[in-house]
Amino acid sequence: MIPRVVHLVYLGFSGTMSEEWATNVERWAECLSERGNEWTLKLWGNSTNWPAKYKDRVNNHLTMFEESQYNAYKTTYNGYKNNVERADFIRYVILHHDGGVYTDMDVYPTTKNIDLGPLLQTFEQFTNVQTLWAESSNMRNVTTNSFFANASGAPFLRTILDTAVARASKKYSTRHMGIM
């Protein structure tokens, strides 16, 4: 089962979070509060770069590497030259560990009444799915890592993590290819 947790990651490489993204965090918080205790919002990153309202709720993403099963990934994470690669990589570690729904900071619910639960229940009930990926909004037949769901410990994300480690030393024309 995919846990009913939405994960937002802001590592703060460019400094304090933009007003737009802070608004999107608020949109997620409002949307999930409408669901009562059914859903949780989990924030990750360096709390110094989050808006004051959320600083005490931010989990340090680097603690993920303290767990023995993820310790070997720390070298890969630290070895990436581009911050966007680190941000891509850590989302896989977090969702492999915790499970839930990951969303980029620029993805947000358009209404407070949105409920992801029925979507996840349908997939779980009829397909026994452990991982759900969204199609890109601007490229047909392409999945994206900007919004996806995963059961805790699902093998698919372990495969992505291990593949990312194997590809880390290769040169790619785009900053994302070594991760995705």
C-alpha atoms as a PDB file:
ATOM      1  CA  MET A   1       0.000   0.000   0.000  1.00  0.00           C
ATOM      2  CA  ILE A   2       1.163   3.503  -0.797  1.00  0.00           C
ATOM      3  CA  PRO A   3       1.199   5.568   2.417  1.00  0.00           C
ATOM      4  CA  ARG A   4      -1.013   8.648   2.479  1.00  0.00           C
ATOM      5  CA  VAL A   5       1.880  11.098   2.811  1.00  0.00           C
ATOM      6  CA  VAL A   6       2.802  13.914   0.424  1.00  0.00           C
ATOM      7  CA  HIS A   7       6.533  14.712   0.419  1.00  0.00           C
ATOM      8  CA  LEU A   8       7.866  18.124  -0.620  1.00  0.00           C
ATOM      9  CA  VAL A   9      11.629  18.623  -0.937  1.00  0.00           C
ATOM     10  CA  TYR A  10      13.324  22.010  -1.018  1.00  0.00           C
ATOM     11  CA  LEU A  11      17.067  21.826  -0.579  1.00  0.00           C
ATOM     12  CA  GLY A  12      17.537  25.585  -0.822  1.00  0.00           C
ATOM     13  CA  PHE A  13      20.515  25.640  -3.156  1.00  0.00           C
ATOM     14  CA  SER A  14      19.440  29.027  -4.480  1.00  0.00           C
ATOM     15  CA  GLY A  15      18.657  30.492  -1.072  1.00  0.00           C
ATOM     16  CA  THR A  16      15.314  31.245   0.515  1.00  0.00           C
ATOM     17  CA  MET A  17      12.247  29.653  -1.040  1.00  0.00           C
ATOM     18  CA  SER A  18      10.427  31.752  -3.644  1.00  0.00           C
ATOM     19  CA  GLU A  19       7.037  33.239  -2.821  1.00  0.00           C
ATOM     20  CA  GLU A  20       5.464  31.072  -5.533  1.00  0.00           C
ATOM     21  CA  TRP A  21       6.760  27.859  -3.997  1.00  0.00           C
ATOM     22  CA  ALA A  22       5.834  28.978  -0.474  1.00  0.00           C
ATOM     23  CA  THR A  23       2.293  29.504  -1.784  1.00  0.00           C
ATOM     24  CA  ASN A  24       2.334  25.998  -3.251  1.00  0.00           C
ATOM     25  CA  VAL A  25       3.368  24.532   0.119  1.00  0.00           C
ATOM     26  CA  GLU A  26       0.422  26.349   1.653  1.00  0.00           C
ATOM     27  CA  ARG A  27      -1.870  24.948  -1.055  1.00  0.00           C
ATOM     28  CA  TRP A  28      -0.764  21.398  -0.218  1.00  0.00           C
ATOM     29  CA  ALA A  29      -1.129  22.024   3.518  1.00  0.00           C
ATOM     30  CA  GLU A  30      -4.674  23.342   3.042  1.00  0.00           C
ATOM     31  CA  CYS A  31      -5.639  20.560   0.663  1.00  0.00           C
ATOM     32  CA  LEU A  32      -4.407  17.812   2.973  1.00  0.00           C
ATOM     33  CA  SER A  33      -5.943  19.404   6.069  1.00  0.00           C
ATOM     34  CA  GLU A  34      -9.309  19.041   4.301  1.00  0.00           C
ATOM     35  CA  ARG A  35      -8.700  15.273   4.421  1.00  0.00           C
ATOM     36  CA  GLY A  36      -8.418  15.274   8.233  1.00  0.00           C
ATOM     37  CA  ASN A  37      -5.961  12.707   9.602  1.00  0.00           C
ATOM     38  CA  GLU A  38      -6.111  10.656   6.418  1.00  0.00           C
ATOM     39  CA  TRP A  39      -3.113  12.445   4.814  1.00  0.00           C
ATOM     40  CA  THR A  40       0.145  13.922   6.120  1.00  0.00           C
ATOM     41  CA  LEU A  41       2.416  16.563   4.597  1.00  0.00           C
ATOM     42  CA  LYS A  42       6.107  15.862   5.111  1.00  0.00           C
ATOM     43  CA  LEU A  43       8.660  18.581   4.340  1.00  0.00           C
ATOM     44  CA  TRP A  44      12.325  17.880   3.594  1.00  0.00           C
ATOM     45  CA  GLY A  45      15.494  19.927   3.157  1.00  0.00           C
ATOM     46  CA  ASN A  46      17.502  22.562   4.948  1.00  0.00           C
ATOM     47  CA  SER A  47      15.070  24.314   7.296  1.00  0.00           C
ATOM     48  CA  THR A  48      16.980  27.620   7.173  1.00  0.00           C
ATOM     49  CA  ASN A  49      15.704  28.157   3.619  1.00  0.00           C
ATOM     50  CA  TRP A  50      12.040  27.400   4.334  1.00  0.00           C
ATOM     51  CA  PRO A  51       9.476  30.064   5.291  1.00  0.00           C
ATOM     52  CA  ALA A  52       9.370  30.672   9.054  1.00  0.00           C
ATOM     53  CA  LYS A  53       5.908  29.114   9.276  1.00  0.00           C
ATOM     54  CA  TYR A  54       7.311  25.702   8.274  1.00  0.00           C
ATOM     55  CA  LYS A  55      10.862  25.671   9.688  1.00  0.00           C
ATOM     56  CA  ASP A  56       9.953  23.493  12.679  1.00  0.00           C
ATOM     57  CA  ARG A  57       8.278  20.920  10.414  1.00  0.00           C
ATOM     58  CA  VAL A  58      11.196  20.405   8.010  1.00  0.00           C
ATOM     59  CA  ASN A  59      13.028  17.065   8.162  1.00  0.00           C
ATOM     60  CA  ASN A  60      16.735  17.105   7.361  1.00  0.00           C
ATOM     61  CA  HIS A  61      17.070  15.057   4.178  1.00  0.00           C
ATOM     62  CA  LEU A  62      20.673  14.095   4.989  1.00  0.00           C
ATOM     63  CA  THR A  63      19.512  11.950   7.926  1.00  0.00           C
ATOM     64  CA  MET A  64      18.300   9.436   5.346  1.00  0.00           C
ATOM     65  CA  PHE A  65      21.924   8.444   4.737  1.00  0.00           C
ATOM     66  CA  GLU A  66      22.381   7.544   8.416  1.00  0.00           C
ATOM     67  CA  GLU A  67      20.224   4.462   7.909  1.00  0.00           C
ATOM     68  CA  SER A  68      22.435   1.501   7.049  1.00  0.00           C
ATOM     69  CA  GLN A  69      20.504   0.560   3.914  1.00  0.00           C
ATOM     70  CA  TYR A  70      21.085   4.033   2.421  1.00  0.00           C
ATOM     71  CA  ASN A  71      24.581   4.774   3.736  1.00  0.00           C
ATOM     72  CA  ALA A  72      26.235   3.649   0.507  1.00  0.00           C
ATOM     73  CA  TYR A  73      24.215   6.234  -1.454  1.00  0.00           C
ATOM     74  CA  LYS A  74      25.745   9.183   0.403  1.00  0.00           C
ATOM     75  CA  THR A  75      28.903   9.117  -1.742  1.00  0.00           C
ATOM     76  CA  THR A  76      26.825   9.265  -4.917  1.00  0.00           C
ATOM     77  CA  TYR A  77      24.693  12.113  -3.563  1.00  0.00           C
ATOM     78  CA  ASN A  78      27.758  14.134  -2.552  1.00  0.00           C
ATOM     79  CA  GLY A  79      29.482  13.381  -5.860  1.00  0.00           C
ATOM     80  CA  TYR A  80      26.894  15.018  -8.069  1.00  0.00           C
ATOM     81  CA  LYS A  81      28.147  18.263  -9.599  1.00  0.00           C
ATOM     82  CA  ASN A  82      24.718  19.816 -10.026  1.00  0.00           C
ATOM     83  CA  ASN A  83      22.292  20.569  -7.229  1.00  0.00           C
ATOM     84  CA  VAL A  84      19.356  19.451  -9.352  1.00  0.00           C
ATOM     85  CA  GLU A  85      20.939  15.980  -9.477  1.00  0.00           C
ATOM     86  CA  ARG A  86      21.055  15.871  -5.678  1.00  0.00           C
ATOM     87  CA  ALA A  87      17.424  16.957  -5.505  1.00  0.00           C
ATOM     88  CA  ASP A  88      16.415  14.245  -7.995  1.00  0.00           C
ATOM     89  CA  PHE A  89      18.376  11.572  -6.157  1.00  0.00           C
ATOM     90  CA  ILE A  90      17.175  12.349  -2.627  1.00  0.00           C
ATOM     91  CA  ARG A  91      13.505  12.104  -3.624  1.00  0.00           C
ATOM     92  CA  TYR A  92      14.081   8.458  -4.565  1.00  0.00           C
ATOM     93  CA  VAL A  93      15.805   7.730  -1.255  1.00  0.00           C
ATOM     94  CA  ILE A  94      13.000   9.384   0.725  1.00  0.00           C
ATOM     95  CA  LEU A  95      10.197   7.613  -1.113  1.00  0.00           C
ATOM     96  CA  HIS A  96      11.945   4.254  -1.053  1.00  0.00           C
ATOM     97  CA  HIS A  97      12.260   4.617   2.716  1.00  0.00           C
ATOM     98  CA  ASP A  98       8.945   6.247   3.674  1.00  0.00           C
ATOM     99  CA  GLY A  99       6.699   5.615   0.713  1.00  0.00           C
ATOM    100  CA  GLY A 100       3.981   8.079  -0.224  1.00  0.00           C
ATOM    101  CA  VAL A 101       3.517  10.711  -2.909  1.00  0.00           C
ATOM    102  CA  TYR A 102       6.356  12.958  -4.063  1.00  0.00           C
ATOM    103  CA  THR A 103       5.631  16.247  -5.785  1.00  0.00           C
ATOM    104  CA  ASP A 104       7.942  18.959  -7.072  1.00  0.00           C
ATOM    105  CA  MET A 105       7.576  22.399  -5.541  1.00  0.00           C
ATOM    106  CA  ASP A 106       5.949  23.772  -8.709  1.00  0.00           C
ATOM    107  CA  VAL A 107       3.213  21.101  -8.725  1.00  0.00           C
ATOM    108  CA  TYR A 108       0.214  21.929  -6.569  1.00  0.00           C
ATOM    109  CA  PRO A 109      -3.465  21.084  -6.121  1.00  0.00           C
ATOM    110  CA  THR A 110      -5.780  23.434  -7.973  1.00  0.00           C
ATOM    111  CA  THR A 111      -8.522  23.024  -5.388  1.00  0.00           C
ATOM    112  CA  LYS A 112      -8.688  22.276  -1.668  1.00  0.00           C
ATOM    113  CA  ASN A 113     -11.117  19.460  -2.366  1.00  0.00           C
ATOM    114  CA  ILE A 114      -8.756  17.249  -4.351  1.00  0.00           C
ATOM    115  CA  ASP A 115      -8.441  13.751  -2.932  1.00  0.00           C
ATOM    116  CA  LEU A 116      -5.633  11.508  -4.139  1.00  0.00           C
ATOM    117  CA  GLY A 117      -6.903   8.581  -2.051  1.00  0.00           C
ATOM    118  CA  PRO A 118      -9.410   7.166  -4.561  1.00  0.00           C
ATOM    119  CA  LEU A 119      -6.806   7.280  -7.330  1.00  0.00           C
ATOM    120  CA  LEU A 120      -4.307   5.340  -5.224  1.00  0.00           C
ATOM    121  CA  GLN A 121      -6.985   2.908  -3.996  1.00  0.00           C
ATOM    122  CA  THR A 122      -8.077   2.133  -7.554  1.00  0.00           C
ATOM    123  CA  PHE A 123      -4.554   1.321  -8.660  1.00  0.00           C
ATOM    124  CA  GLU A 124      -3.806  -0.699  -5.533  1.00  0.00           C
ATOM    125  CA  GLN A 125      -7.051  -2.659  -5.728  1.00  0.00           C
ATOM    126  CA  PHE A 126      -6.941  -3.598  -9.391  1.00  0.00           C
ATOM    127  CA  THR A 127      -3.259  -3.695 -10.239  1.00  0.00           C
ATOM    128  CA  ASN A 128      -1.449  -4.431  -6.971  1.00  0.00           C
ATOM    129  CA  VAL A 129       0.773  -1.509  -7.948  1.00  0.00           C
ATOM    130  CA  GLN A 130       3.653  -0.389  -5.735  1.00  0.00           C
ATOM    131  CA  THR A 131       4.764   2.546  -7.868  1.00  0.00           C
ATOM    132  CA  LEU A 132       2.689   5.070  -9.808  1.00  0.00           C
ATOM    133  CA  TRP A 133       4.247   7.648 -12.167  1.00  0.00           C
ATOM    134  CA  ALA A 134       2.516  10.593 -13.825  1.00  0.00           C
ATOM    135  CA  GLU A 135       2.726  11.389 -17.505  1.00  0.00           C
ATOM    136  CA  SER A 136       4.528  14.614 -18.333  1.00  0.00           C
ATOM    137  CA  SER A 137       2.162  17.498 -19.025  1.00  0.00           C
ATOM    138  CA  ASN A 138       4.327  18.837 -21.853  1.00  0.00           C
ATOM    139  CA  MET A 139       5.639  15.620 -23.481  1.00  0.00           C
ATOM    140  CA  ARG A 140       3.406  12.820 -24.726  1.00  0.00           C
ATOM    141  CA  ASN A 141       4.146   9.253 -23.640  1.00  0.00           C
ATOM    142  CA  VAL A 142       6.868  10.374 -21.235  1.00  0.00           C
ATOM    143  CA  THR A 143       6.726   9.834 -17.498  1.00  0.00           C
ATOM    144  CA  THR A 144       8.103  12.411 -15.127  1.00  0.00           C
ATOM    145  CA  ASN A 145       9.655  12.340 -11.675  1.00  0.00           C
ATOM    146  CA  SER A 146       7.934  15.597 -10.722  1.00  0.00           C
ATOM    147  CA  PHE A 147       4.938  13.699  -9.310  1.00  0.00           C
ATOM    148  CA  PHE A 148       4.954  10.015  -8.384  1.00  0.00           C
ATOM    149  CA  ALA A 149       3.808   7.612  -5.691  1.00  0.00           C
ATOM    150  CA  ASN A 150       5.570   4.611  -4.218  1.00  0.00           C
ATOM    151  CA  ALA A 151       5.060   1.999  -1.519  1.00  0.00           C
ATOM    152  CA  SER A 152       7.761   1.944   1.153  1.00  0.00           C
ATOM    153  CA  GLY A 153      10.549  -0.409   0.109  1.00  0.00           C
ATOM    154  CA  ALA A 154       9.125  -1.068  -3.371  1.00  0.00           C
ATOM    155  CA  PRO A 155      11.796  -2.710  -5.547  1.00  0.00           C
ATOM    156  CA  PHE A 156      11.342  -0.286  -8.449  1.00  0.00           C
ATOM    157  CA  LEU A 157      12.868   2.670  -6.586  1.00  0.00           C
ATOM    158  CA  ARG A 158      15.735   0.509  -5.309  1.00  0.00           C
ATOM    159  CA  THR A 159      16.469  -0.286  -8.959  1.00  0.00           C
ATOM    160  CA  ILE A 160      16.395   3.430  -9.816  1.00  0.00           C
ATOM    161  CA  LEU A 161      18.774   4.202  -6.941  1.00  0.00           C
ATOM    162  CA  ASP A 162      21.188   1.446  -7.927  1.00  0.00           C
ATOM    163  CA  THR A 163      21.054   2.524 -11.574  1.00  0.00           C
ATOM    164  CA  ALA A 164      21.734   6.136 -10.580  1.00  0.00           C
ATOM    165  CA  VAL A 165      24.814   4.988  -8.643  1.00  0.00           C
ATOM    166  CA  ALA A 166      26.065   3.053 -11.677  1.00  0.00           C
ATOM    167  CA  ARG A 167      25.485   6.049 -13.974  1.00  0.00           C
ATOM    168  CA  ALA A 168      26.901   8.694 -11.628  1.00  0.00           C
ATOM    169  CA  SER A 169      30.367   8.695 -13.157  1.00  0.00           C
ATOM    170  CA  LYS A 170      29.156   8.928 -16.771  1.00  0.00           C
ATOM    171  CA  LYS A 171      28.887  12.203 -18.694  1.00  0.00           C
ATOM    172  CA  TYR A 172      25.460  13.219 -20.015  1.00  0.00           C
ATOM    173  CA  SER A 173      24.352  16.185 -22.078  1.00  0.00           C
ATOM    174  CA  THR A 174      21.719  17.185 -19.542  1.00  0.00           C
ATOM    175  CA  ARG A 175      21.947  17.473 -15.767  1.00  0.00           C
ATOM    176  CA  HIS A 176      19.039  15.103 -15.146  1.00  0.00           C
ATOM    177  CA  MET A 177      20.038  12.090 -17.262  1.00  0.00           C
ATOM    178  CA  GLY A 178      22.398  10.567 -14.729  1.00  0.00           C
ATOM    179  CA  ILE A 179      19.537  10.331 -12.250  1.00  0.00           C
ATOM    180  CA  MET A 180      16.392   9.699 -14.215  1.00  0.00           C
END
